[in-house]
Amino acid sequence: MTCVVAIDVGGTSMKGGLVARDGTILHEERRPTPRAEGPDRVIAAIGAFVADLVAGGEPVAVGLAVPGLVTPERAVFAAAFGWRDVPAAAFADVDLPVALGHDVRSAGEAELAHGLVHGLVHGEGRDGDGRHVLFLPIGTGIAGAVVLSGGLYGGAAGWAGQIGHIPVWPDGRACGCGQRGCLGQYASASAIAARCGESSAADVVRRMREGDPEAARVWAEAVEALAIALATYTLVADPALIVIGGGLSLAGEALLTPLRSRLAARLAFRAAPELRVSRLGMRAGMLGAALLGWRAHDTPRGARG
């Protein structure tokens, strides 16, 4: 079956595979992201992953979803990895069309094409209000894909959705972006784990359920930070629904139940939007990368830039 190589590059791991045009995943695997070894090592690891996937099938293009500022041809900047102005060809030394895309926005496109957001935008059980949605993956970092009037909104410079850098406590913890008190410093899965000395947020949830007071404090602070940021977003954009994705969504009701309560408490004069977990789960970014690949395949060679 005709397919594309699709890789979602995260701060902890890379999810990759071969994906057909209709979103069918023909092959799927995960590899660690060697972030601690520096930007060149990460770029090389992505290239090796692409080469192995190409060798394992007969793909027609490559789509890569990466964090930071990105154009279809270049990864302009990613604070998480320390790279600047990396051309797409550096990630994939193959004789195929290659396209880059922002990881969260690509995941949002997949939600629009295949997931829960698709159903809502196209009227699944709603009267059109599902056309205004926030898709919020929470993993190593936090950013949002903003859906307005049924389509993704990028903003004037393509930076819309940087919710992880909303200063929930302006005098709080220093962030790598240069600000203080950013949401990501309290509520990303990586921050939650690090503040409890654990390797994953799942370990923090386990300790909280076992009655550990430090884990409970960190978790409660993360939930409150999310509630503050989402209340701000709700008052500005008035979404019908907020879809939580990424690794933290695996916490399920341990996250959603207190977050619903705290978000409602932060919105004194209006109802809170509905909160749900992503239907695509951890595959959203990879499926979004596949959409990038198919777009590159369908673009005439002379129009690729």
C-alpha atoms as a PDB file:
ATOM      1  CA  MET A   1       0.000   0.000   0.000  1.00  0.00           C
ATOM      2  CA  THR A   2       1.264   3.497  -0.847  1.00  0.00           C
ATOM      3  CA  CYS A   3       2.421   5.286   2.280  1.00  0.00           C
ATOM      4  CA  VAL A   4       4.539   8.070   3.749  1.00  0.00           C
ATOM      5  CA  VAL A   5       7.134   8.084   6.507  1.00  0.00           C
ATOM      6  CA  ALA A   6       5.789  10.011   9.497  1.00  0.00           C
ATOM      7  CA  ILE A   7       7.778  10.899  12.620  1.00  0.00           C
ATOM      8  CA  ASP A   8       6.677  12.940  15.617  1.00  0.00           C
ATOM      9  CA  VAL A   9       9.793  14.204  17.433  1.00  0.00           C
ATOM     10  CA  GLY A  10       9.214  14.714  21.155  1.00  0.00           C
ATOM     11  CA  GLY A  11      11.540  15.717  23.935  1.00  0.00           C
ATOM     12  CA  THR A  12      11.597  12.193  25.381  1.00  0.00           C
ATOM     13  CA  SER A  13      10.785   9.929  22.465  1.00  0.00           C
ATOM     14  CA  MET A  14      10.147   9.849  18.725  1.00  0.00           C
ATOM     15  CA  LYS A  15       7.010   8.129  17.425  1.00  0.00           C
ATOM     16  CA  GLY A  16       7.348   7.041  13.820  1.00  0.00           C
ATOM     17  CA  GLY A  17       5.809   4.811  11.229  1.00  0.00           C
ATOM     18  CA  LEU A  18       4.466   4.245   7.757  1.00  0.00           C
ATOM     19  CA  VAL A  19       1.009   5.741   7.204  1.00  0.00           C
ATOM     20  CA  ALA A  20      -1.448   5.372   4.314  1.00  0.00           C
ATOM     21  CA  ARG A  21      -3.384   8.328   2.925  1.00  0.00           C
ATOM     22  CA  ASP A  22      -6.524   7.461   4.893  1.00  0.00           C
ATOM     23  CA  GLY A  23      -4.587   7.462   8.189  1.00  0.00           C
ATOM     24  CA  THR A  24      -4.144   3.706   8.412  1.00  0.00           C
ATOM     25  CA  ILE A  25      -0.914   2.976  10.286  1.00  0.00           C
ATOM     26  CA  LEU A  26       0.927   0.224   8.433  1.00  0.00           C
ATOM     27  CA  HIS A  27       3.949   0.137  10.727  1.00  0.00           C
ATOM     28  CA  GLU A  28       4.688   1.903  14.008  1.00  0.00           C
ATOM     29  CA  GLU A  29       7.618   2.113  16.413  1.00  0.00           C
ATOM     30  CA  ARG A  30       9.118   4.365  19.057  1.00  0.00           C
ATOM     31  CA  ARG A  31      12.706   5.390  19.722  1.00  0.00           C
ATOM     32  CA  PRO A  32      14.274   7.531  22.469  1.00  0.00           C
ATOM     33  CA  THR A  33      15.192  11.118  21.651  1.00  0.00           C
ATOM     34  CA  PRO A  34      18.869  11.609  22.619  1.00  0.00           C
ATOM     35  CA  ARG A  35      18.256  15.198  23.717  1.00  0.00           C
ATOM     36  CA  ALA A  36      20.956  15.144  26.412  1.00  0.00           C
ATOM     37  CA  GLU A  37      23.600  14.409  23.755  1.00  0.00           C
ATOM     38  CA  GLY A  38      23.066  17.706  21.940  1.00  0.00           C
ATOM     39  CA  PRO A  39      21.302  19.004  18.819  1.00  0.00           C
ATOM     40  CA  ASP A  40      23.554  17.284  16.275  1.00  0.00           C
ATOM     41  CA  ARG A  41      22.925  13.904  17.895  1.00  0.00           C
ATOM     42  CA  VAL A  42      19.156  14.457  17.786  1.00  0.00           C
ATOM     43  CA  ILE A  43      19.311  15.436  14.115  1.00  0.00           C
ATOM     44  CA  ALA A  44      21.366  12.317  13.347  1.00  0.00           C
ATOM     45  CA  ALA A  45      18.929  10.113  15.272  1.00  0.00           C
ATOM     46  CA  ILE A  46      15.999  11.493  13.289  1.00  0.00           C
ATOM     47  CA  GLY A  47      17.890  10.860  10.053  1.00  0.00           C
ATOM     48  CA  ALA A  48      18.626   7.265  11.039  1.00  0.00           C
ATOM     49  CA  PHE A  49      14.966   6.720  11.974  1.00  0.00           C
ATOM     50  CA  VAL A  50      13.848   8.084   8.589  1.00  0.00           C
ATOM     51  CA  ALA A  51      16.336   5.883   6.729  1.00  0.00           C
ATOM     52  CA  ASP A  52      15.208   2.757   8.549  1.00  0.00           C
ATOM     53  CA  LEU A  53      11.537   3.464   7.886  1.00  0.00           C
ATOM     54  CA  VAL A  54      12.226   4.164   4.207  1.00  0.00           C
ATOM     55  CA  ALA A  55      14.089   0.857   3.961  1.00  0.00           C
ATOM     56  CA  GLY A  56      11.151  -0.945   5.554  1.00  0.00           C
ATOM     57  CA  GLY A  57       8.600   0.099   2.943  1.00  0.00           C
ATOM     58  CA  GLU A  58       8.131   2.016  -0.286  1.00  0.00           C
ATOM     59  CA  PRO A  59       7.094   5.479   0.924  1.00  0.00           C
ATOM     60  CA  VAL A  60       6.488   8.401  -1.421  1.00  0.00           C
ATOM     61  CA  ALA A  61       7.366  11.240   0.983  1.00  0.00           C
ATOM     62  CA  VAL A  62       8.490  12.080   4.519  1.00  0.00           C
ATOM     63  CA  GLY A  63       6.683  14.212   7.112  1.00  0.00           C
ATOM     64  CA  LEU A  64       8.400  15.332  10.311  1.00  0.00           C
ATOM     65  CA  ALA A  65       6.589  17.041  13.194  1.00  0.00           C
ATOM     66  CA  VAL A  66       9.122  18.910  15.355  1.00  0.00           C
ATOM     67  CA  PRO A  67       8.905  21.429  18.207  1.00  0.00           C
ATOM     68  CA  GLY A  68       9.782  25.117  18.054  1.00  0.00           C
ATOM     69  CA  LEU A  69       9.558  27.627  15.225  1.00  0.00           C
ATOM     70  CA  VAL A  70       9.333  25.800  11.929  1.00  0.00           C
ATOM     71  CA  THR A  71       8.530  26.265   8.241  1.00  0.00           C
ATOM     72  CA  PRO A  72       7.894  23.424   5.780  1.00  0.00           C
ATOM     73  CA  GLU A  73      11.547  23.685   4.687  1.00  0.00           C
ATOM     74  CA  ARG A  74      13.455  24.603   7.877  1.00  0.00           C
ATOM     75  CA  ALA A  75      13.457  24.044  11.634  1.00  0.00           C
ATOM     76  CA  VAL A  76      14.142  27.673  12.550  1.00  0.00           C
ATOM     77  CA  PHE A  77      14.590  27.326  16.321  1.00  0.00           C
ATOM     78  CA  ALA A  78      13.831  24.824  19.083  1.00  0.00           C
ATOM     79  CA  ALA A  79      14.822  25.717  22.625  1.00  0.00           C
ATOM     80  CA  ALA A  80      14.174  22.128  23.734  1.00  0.00           C
ATOM     81  CA  PHE A  81      16.912  20.828  21.420  1.00  0.00           C
ATOM     82  CA  GLY A  82      19.161  23.831  20.901  1.00  0.00           C
ATOM     83  CA  TRP A  83      19.033  23.763  17.129  1.00  0.00           C
ATOM     84  CA  ARG A  84      18.772  26.796  14.862  1.00  0.00           C
ATOM     85  CA  ASP A  85      17.968  27.092  11.152  1.00  0.00           C
ATOM     86  CA  VAL A  86      18.215  23.393  10.258  1.00  0.00           C
ATOM     87  CA  PRO A  87      17.105  22.554   6.683  1.00  0.00           C
ATOM     88  CA  ALA A  88      14.673  19.694   6.165  1.00  0.00           C
ATOM     89  CA  ALA A  89      17.288  17.789   4.173  1.00  0.00           C
ATOM     90  CA  ALA A  90      19.507  17.570   7.275  1.00  0.00           C
ATOM     91  CA  PHE A  91      16.855  15.425   8.963  1.00  0.00           C
ATOM     92  CA  ALA A  92      16.219  13.138   5.992  1.00  0.00           C
ATOM     93  CA  ASP A  93      18.958  12.311   3.483  1.00  0.00           C
ATOM     94  CA  VAL A  94      16.601  10.539   1.090  1.00  0.00           C
ATOM     95  CA  ASP A  95      15.469  11.092  -2.468  1.00  0.00           C
ATOM     96  CA  LEU A  96      11.892  11.868  -1.455  1.00  0.00           C
ATOM     97  CA  PRO A  97       9.882  15.034  -0.794  1.00  0.00           C
ATOM     98  CA  VAL A  98      10.365  16.052   2.861  1.00  0.00           C
ATOM     99  CA  ALA A  99       8.201  18.477   4.834  1.00  0.00           C
ATOM    100  CA  LEU A 100       8.533  19.815   8.367  1.00  0.00           C
ATOM    101  CA  GLY A 101       5.722  21.024  10.583  1.00  0.00           C
ATOM    102  CA  HIS A 102       5.162  22.245  14.121  1.00  0.00           C
ATOM    103  CA  ASP A 103       4.515  19.262  16.365  1.00  0.00           C
ATOM    104  CA  VAL A 104       1.432  20.568  18.147  1.00  0.00           C
ATOM    105  CA  ARG A 105      -0.136  22.176  15.104  1.00  0.00           C
ATOM    106  CA  SER A 106       0.449  18.962  13.152  1.00  0.00           C
ATOM    107  CA  ALA A 107      -1.218  16.979  15.933  1.00  0.00           C
ATOM    108  CA  GLY A 108      -4.093  19.450  15.793  1.00  0.00           C
ATOM    109  CA  GLU A 109      -4.431  18.832  12.061  1.00  0.00           C
ATOM    110  CA  ALA A 110      -4.623  15.105  12.763  1.00  0.00           C
ATOM    111  CA  GLU A 111      -7.343  15.714  15.347  1.00  0.00           C
ATOM    112  CA  LEU A 112      -9.226  17.722  12.733  1.00  0.00           C
ATOM    113  CA  ALA A 113      -8.784  14.987  10.124  1.00  0.00           C
ATOM    114  CA  HIS A 114      -9.224  11.823  12.170  1.00  0.00           C
ATOM    115  CA  GLY A 115      -9.946  12.454  15.841  1.00  0.00           C
ATOM    116  CA  LEU A 116     -12.456  13.781  18.329  1.00  0.00           C
ATOM    117  CA  VAL A 117     -12.106  17.336  17.024  1.00  0.00           C
ATOM    118  CA  HIS A 118     -13.045  16.128  13.523  1.00  0.00           C
ATOM    119  CA  GLY A 119     -16.330  14.778  14.811  1.00  0.00           C
ATOM    120  CA  LEU A 120     -17.125  17.945  16.705  1.00  0.00           C
ATOM    121  CA  VAL A 121     -16.224  20.326  13.892  1.00  0.00           C
ATOM    122  CA  HIS A 122     -18.407  18.340  11.523  1.00  0.00           C
ATOM    123  CA  GLY A 123     -21.387  18.285  13.835  1.00  0.00           C
ATOM    124  CA  GLU A 124     -21.036  15.051  15.814  1.00  0.00           C
ATOM    125  CA  GLY A 125     -23.647  15.561  18.529  1.00  0.00           C
ATOM    126  CA  ARG A 126     -23.434  19.343  18.424  1.00  0.00           C
ATOM    127  CA  ASP A 127     -25.101  22.344  16.789  1.00  0.00           C
ATOM    128  CA  GLY A 128     -21.982  23.957  15.344  1.00  0.00           C
ATOM    129  CA  ASP A 129     -20.394  25.137  18.613  1.00  0.00           C
ATOM    130  CA  GLY A 130     -17.783  22.384  18.219  1.00  0.00           C
ATOM    131  CA  ARG A 131     -16.142  24.543  15.566  1.00  0.00           C
ATOM    132  CA  HIS A 132     -14.283  26.400  18.354  1.00  0.00           C
ATOM    133  CA  VAL A 133     -11.908  23.975  20.098  1.00  0.00           C
ATOM    134  CA  LEU A 134      -8.560  24.013  21.863  1.00  0.00           C
ATOM    135  CA  PHE A 135      -6.396  20.905  21.443  1.00  0.00           C
ATOM    136  CA  LEU A 136      -3.797  20.917  24.219  1.00  0.00           C
ATOM    137  CA  PRO A 137      -1.105  18.211  24.209  1.00  0.00           C
ATOM    138  CA  ILE A 138       0.795  18.115  27.506  1.00  0.00           C
ATOM    139  CA  GLY A 139       4.115  16.298  27.457  1.00  0.00           C
ATOM    140  CA  THR A 140       7.703  17.497  27.718  1.00  0.00           C
ATOM    141  CA  GLY A 141       6.250  20.927  26.989  1.00  0.00           C
ATOM    142  CA  ILE A 142       2.813  22.489  26.537  1.00  0.00           C
ATOM    143  CA  ALA A 143       1.362  24.197  23.475  1.00  0.00           C
ATOM    144  CA  GLY A 144      -2.071  24.349  21.922  1.00  0.00           C
ATOM    145  CA  ALA A 145      -3.606  23.929  18.489  1.00  0.00           C
ATOM    146  CA  VAL A 146      -6.305  26.580  18.236  1.00  0.00           C
ATOM    147  CA  VAL A 147      -9.368  25.661  16.161  1.00  0.00           C
ATOM    148  CA  LEU A 148     -11.543  28.643  15.278  1.00  0.00           C
ATOM    149  CA  SER A 149     -14.563  28.382  12.975  1.00  0.00           C
ATOM    150  CA  GLY A 150     -13.568  24.832  12.089  1.00  0.00           C
ATOM    151  CA  GLY A 151      -9.996  25.557  11.007  1.00  0.00           C
ATOM    152  CA  LEU A 152      -6.581  25.817  12.613  1.00  0.00           C
ATOM    153  CA  TYR A 153      -5.586  29.347  13.582  1.00  0.00           C
ATOM    154  CA  GLY A 154      -1.874  30.160  13.383  1.00  0.00           C
ATOM    155  CA  GLY A 155      -1.895  33.855  14.198  1.00  0.00           C
ATOM    156  CA  ALA A 156      -0.087  36.740  12.502  1.00  0.00           C
ATOM    157  CA  ALA A 157       3.350  35.110  12.694  1.00  0.00           C
ATOM    158  CA  GLY A 158       2.330  31.473  13.131  1.00  0.00           C
ATOM    159  CA  TRP A 159       2.958  31.533  16.904  1.00  0.00           C
ATOM    160  CA  ALA A 160      -0.619  31.115  18.116  1.00  0.00           C
ATOM    161  CA  GLY A 161      -1.181  28.538  20.829  1.00  0.00           C
ATOM    162  CA  GLN A 162       1.917  29.121  22.993  1.00  0.00           C
ATOM    163  CA  ILE A 163      -0.142  28.413  26.097  1.00  0.00           C
ATOM    164  CA  GLY A 164       2.782  26.793  27.879  1.00  0.00           C
ATOM    165  CA  HIS A 165       4.307  30.254  28.201  1.00  0.00           C
ATOM    166  CA  ILE A 166       1.314  31.952  29.793  1.00  0.00           C
ATOM    167  CA  PRO A 167       2.761  33.335  33.060  1.00  0.00           C
ATOM    168  CA  VAL A 168       0.442  31.732  35.603  1.00  0.00           C
ATOM    169  CA  TRP A 169       2.584  33.048  38.471  1.00  0.00           C
ATOM    170  CA  PRO A 170       4.540  36.030  37.081  1.00  0.00           C
ATOM    171  CA  ASP A 171       7.119  35.931  39.883  1.00  0.00           C
ATOM    172  CA  GLY A 172       7.443  32.170  39.775  1.00  0.00           C
ATOM    173  CA  ARG A 173       9.964  29.686  38.432  1.00  0.00           C
ATOM    174  CA  ALA A 174      12.377  30.771  35.685  1.00  0.00           C
ATOM    175  CA  CYS A 175      11.592  29.390  32.230  1.00  0.00           C
ATOM    176  CA  GLY A 176      14.032  28.699  29.418  1.00  0.00           C
ATOM    177  CA  CYS A 177      12.102  31.172  27.254  1.00  0.00           C
ATOM    178  CA  GLY A 178      13.328  34.044  29.452  1.00  0.00           C
ATOM    179  CA  GLN A 179      10.051  34.625  31.299  1.00  0.00           C
ATOM    180  CA  ARG A 180       9.121  33.578  34.817  1.00  0.00           C
ATOM    181  CA  GLY A 181       6.180  31.551  36.082  1.00  0.00           C
ATOM    182  CA  CYS A 182       5.250  29.956  32.744  1.00  0.00           C
ATOM    183  CA  LEU A 183       2.581  27.261  32.780  1.00  0.00           C
ATOM    184  CA  GLY A 184       5.041  24.686  31.441  1.00  0.00           C
ATOM    185  CA  GLN A 185       7.231  25.085  34.526  1.00  0.00           C
ATOM    186  CA  TYR A 186       4.403  23.715  36.666  1.00  0.00           C
ATOM    187  CA  ALA A 187       2.094  21.589  34.528  1.00  0.00           C
ATOM    188  CA  SER A 188       4.118  19.894  31.791  1.00  0.00           C
ATOM    189  CA  ALA A 189       4.669  16.185  32.338  1.00  0.00           C
ATOM    190  CA  SER A 190       8.417  16.744  32.498  1.00  0.00           C
ATOM    191  CA  ALA A 191       8.123  19.526  35.093  1.00  0.00           C
ATOM    192  CA  ILE A 192       5.775  17.489  37.287  1.00  0.00           C
ATOM    193  CA  ALA A 193       8.159  14.532  37.223  1.00  0.00           C
ATOM    194  CA  ALA A 194      11.266  16.651  37.862  1.00  0.00           C
ATOM    195  CA  ARG A 195       9.727  18.496  40.819  1.00  0.00           C
ATOM    196  CA  CYS A 196       9.139  15.144  42.526  1.00  0.00           C
ATOM    197  CA  GLY A 197      12.466  13.632  41.511  1.00  0.00           C
ATOM    198  CA  GLU A 198      10.770  11.055  39.296  1.00  0.00           C
ATOM    199  CA  SER A 199      11.377   9.958  35.722  1.00  0.00           C
ATOM    200  CA  SER A 200       7.744  10.350  34.659  1.00  0.00           C
ATOM    201  CA  ALA A 201       4.523  12.069  35.670  1.00  0.00           C
ATOM    202  CA  ALA A 202       2.939   8.611  35.930  1.00  0.00           C
ATOM    203  CA  ASP A 203       5.195   7.936  38.927  1.00  0.00           C
ATOM    204  CA  VAL A 204       3.953  11.139  40.552  1.00  0.00           C
ATOM    205  CA  VAL A 205       0.339  10.064  40.013  1.00  0.00           C
ATOM    206  CA  ARG A 206       1.124   6.677  41.542  1.00  0.00           C
ATOM    207  CA  ARG A 207       2.715   8.286  44.603  1.00  0.00           C
ATOM    208  CA  MET A 208      -0.216  10.671  44.959  1.00  0.00           C
ATOM    209  CA  ARG A 209      -2.661   7.757  44.925  1.00  0.00           C
ATOM    210  CA  GLU A 210      -0.546   6.050  47.598  1.00  0.00           C
ATOM    211  CA  GLY A 211      -0.935   9.096  49.840  1.00  0.00           C
ATOM    212  CA  ASP A 212       2.413  10.824  49.301  1.00  0.00           C
ATOM    213  CA  PRO A 213       1.932  14.479  50.388  1.00  0.00           C
ATOM    214  CA  GLU A 214       4.729  15.912  48.232  1.00  0.00           C
ATOM    215  CA  ALA A 215       3.338  14.267  45.083  1.00  0.00           C
ATOM    216  CA  ALA A 216      -0.151  15.494  45.989  1.00  0.00           C
ATOM    217  CA  ARG A 217       1.149  19.059  46.448  1.00  0.00           C
ATOM    218  CA  VAL A 218       2.977  19.099  43.101  1.00  0.00           C
ATOM    219  CA  TRP A 219      -0.027  17.587  41.309  1.00  0.00           C
ATOM    220  CA  ALA A 220      -2.440  20.071  42.876  1.00  0.00           C
ATOM    221  CA  GLU A 221      -0.185  22.963  41.883  1.00  0.00           C
ATOM    222  CA  ALA A 222      -0.016  21.657  38.311  1.00  0.00           C
ATOM    223  CA  VAL A 223      -3.805  21.401  38.141  1.00  0.00           C
ATOM    224  CA  GLU A 224      -4.198  24.926  39.529  1.00  0.00           C
ATOM    225  CA  ALA A 225      -1.701  26.298  37.016  1.00  0.00           C
ATOM    226  CA  LEU A 226      -3.622  24.623  34.186  1.00  0.00           C
ATOM    227  CA  ALA A 227      -6.896  26.002  35.522  1.00  0.00           C
ATOM    228  CA  ILE A 228      -5.488  29.550  35.563  1.00  0.00           C
ATOM    229  CA  ALA A 229      -4.166  29.294  31.999  1.00  0.00           C
ATOM    230  CA  LEU A 230      -7.295  27.650  30.629  1.00  0.00           C
ATOM    231  CA  ALA A 231      -9.551  30.171  32.344  1.00  0.00           C
ATOM    232  CA  THR A 232      -7.560  32.931  30.632  1.00  0.00           C
ATOM    233  CA  TYR A 233      -7.880  31.194  27.281  1.00  0.00           C
ATOM    234  CA  THR A 234     -11.596  30.559  27.809  1.00  0.00           C
ATOM    235  CA  LEU A 235     -12.316  34.203  28.575  1.00  0.00           C
ATOM    236  CA  VAL A 236     -10.477  35.290  25.413  1.00  0.00           C
ATOM    237  CA  ALA A 237     -11.513  32.637  22.884  1.00  0.00           C
ATOM    238  CA  ASP A 238     -14.713  31.058  24.318  1.00  0.00           C
ATOM    239  CA  PRO A 239     -14.072  27.467  23.185  1.00  0.00           C
ATOM    240  CA  ALA A 240     -16.824  24.858  23.280  1.00  0.00           C
ATOM    241  CA  LEU A 241     -14.338  22.151  24.142  1.00  0.00           C
ATOM    242  CA  ILE A 242     -10.786  21.668  25.382  1.00  0.00           C
ATOM    243  CA  VAL A 243      -9.203  18.368  24.296  1.00  0.00           C
ATOM    244  CA  ILE A 244      -6.230  17.249  26.410  1.00  0.00           C
ATOM    245  CA  GLY A 245      -3.606  15.136  24.643  1.00  0.00           C
ATOM    246  CA  GLY A 246       0.004  14.128  25.133  1.00  0.00           C
ATOM    247  CA  GLY A 247       1.502  11.976  27.845  1.00  0.00           C
ATOM    248  CA  LEU A 248      -0.270  13.710  30.715  1.00  0.00           C
ATOM    249  CA  SER A 249      -3.654  12.793  29.229  1.00  0.00           C
ATOM    250  CA  LEU A 250      -2.895   9.184  30.202  1.00  0.00           C
ATOM    251  CA  ALA A 251      -3.630  10.217  33.794  1.00  0.00           C
ATOM    252  CA  GLY A 252      -7.309  10.287  32.783  1.00  0.00           C
ATOM    253  CA  GLU A 253      -9.713  11.309  35.521  1.00  0.00           C
ATOM    254  CA  ALA A 254      -6.854  11.874  37.986  1.00  0.00           C
ATOM    255  CA  LEU A 255      -6.260  14.971  35.875  1.00  0.00           C
ATOM    256  CA  LEU A 256      -9.679  15.768  34.421  1.00  0.00           C
ATOM    257  CA  THR A 257     -11.771  15.567  37.605  1.00  0.00           C
ATOM    258  CA  PRO A 258      -9.793  18.131  39.647  1.00  0.00           C
ATOM    259  CA  LEU A 259      -9.125  20.260  36.563  1.00  0.00           C
ATOM    260  CA  ARG A 260     -12.838  20.518  35.782  1.00  0.00           C
ATOM    261  CA  SER A 261     -13.465  21.638  39.355  1.00  0.00           C
ATOM    262  CA  ARG A 262     -10.659  24.197  39.493  1.00  0.00           C
ATOM    263  CA  LEU A 263     -11.450  25.599  36.025  1.00  0.00           C
ATOM    264  CA  ALA A 264     -15.085  26.083  36.979  1.00  0.00           C
ATOM    265  CA  ALA A 265     -13.989  27.844  40.187  1.00  0.00           C
ATOM    266  CA  ARG A 266     -11.843  30.242  38.138  1.00  0.00           C
ATOM    267  CA  LEU A 267     -14.769  31.208  35.890  1.00  0.00           C
ATOM    268  CA  ALA A 268     -17.127  32.965  38.266  1.00  0.00           C
ATOM    269  CA  PHE A 269     -19.717  34.324  35.837  1.00  0.00           C
ATOM    270  CA  ARG A 270     -19.808  31.750  33.049  1.00  0.00           C
ATOM    271  CA  ALA A 271     -19.819  27.995  32.537  1.00  0.00           C
ATOM    272  CA  ALA A 272     -16.522  26.257  31.881  1.00  0.00           C
ATOM    273  CA  PRO A 273     -15.988  24.563  28.515  1.00  0.00           C
ATOM    274  CA  GLU A 274     -16.150  20.801  28.352  1.00  0.00           C
ATOM    275  CA  LEU A 275     -12.886  18.911  28.943  1.00  0.00           C
ATOM    276  CA  ARG A 276     -12.105  15.608  27.232  1.00  0.00           C
ATOM    277  CA  VAL A 277      -9.113  13.396  26.488  1.00  0.00           C
ATOM    278  CA  SER A 278      -7.864  13.086  22.894  1.00  0.00           C
ATOM    279  CA  ARG A 279      -9.307  10.210  20.881  1.00  0.00           C
ATOM    280  CA  LEU A 280      -6.008   9.747  18.999  1.00  0.00           C
ATOM    281  CA  GLY A 281      -3.887   9.719  22.131  1.00  0.00           C
ATOM    282  CA  MET A 282      -0.130   9.523  21.601  1.00  0.00           C
ATOM    283  CA  ARG A 283      -0.582   8.879  17.865  1.00  0.00           C
ATOM    284  CA  ALA A 284      -1.866  12.387  17.060  1.00  0.00           C
ATOM    285  CA  GLY A 285       1.571  13.844  16.329  1.00  0.00           C
ATOM    286  CA  MET A 286       2.603  10.962  14.080  1.00  0.00           C
ATOM    287  CA  LEU A 287      -0.662  11.129  12.146  1.00  0.00           C
ATOM    288  CA  GLY A 288      -0.139  14.871  11.801  1.00  0.00           C
ATOM    289  CA  ALA A 289       3.356  14.217  10.439  1.00  0.00           C
ATOM    290  CA  ALA A 290       1.757  11.872   7.915  1.00  0.00           C
ATOM    291  CA  LEU A 291      -0.488  14.699   6.720  1.00  0.00           C
ATOM    292  CA  LEU A 292       2.662  16.779   6.185  1.00  0.00           C
ATOM    293  CA  GLY A 293       4.166  13.958   4.149  1.00  0.00           C
ATOM    294  CA  TRP A 294       1.115  13.576   1.949  1.00  0.00           C
ATOM    295  CA  ARG A 295       1.001  17.333   1.427  1.00  0.00           C
ATOM    296  CA  ALA A 296       4.655  17.272   0.310  1.00  0.00           C
ATOM    297  CA  HIS A 297       3.907  14.380  -2.046  1.00  0.00           C
ATOM    298  CA  ASP A 298       0.960  16.231  -3.585  1.00  0.00           C
ATOM    299  CA  THR A 299       2.844  19.501  -4.072  1.00  0.00           C
ATOM    300  CA  PRO A 300       4.422  19.871  -7.536  1.00  0.00           C
ATOM    301  CA  ARG A 301       8.220  19.731  -7.270  1.00  0.00           C
ATOM    302  CA  GLY A 302       8.700  23.264  -8.589  1.00  0.00           C
ATOM    303  CA  ALA A 303       6.307  24.670  -5.970  1.00  0.00           C
ATOM    304  CA  ARG A 304       8.017  23.193  -2.918  1.00  0.00           C
ATOM    305  CA  GLY A 305      10.278  26.166  -2.303  1.00  0.00           C
END
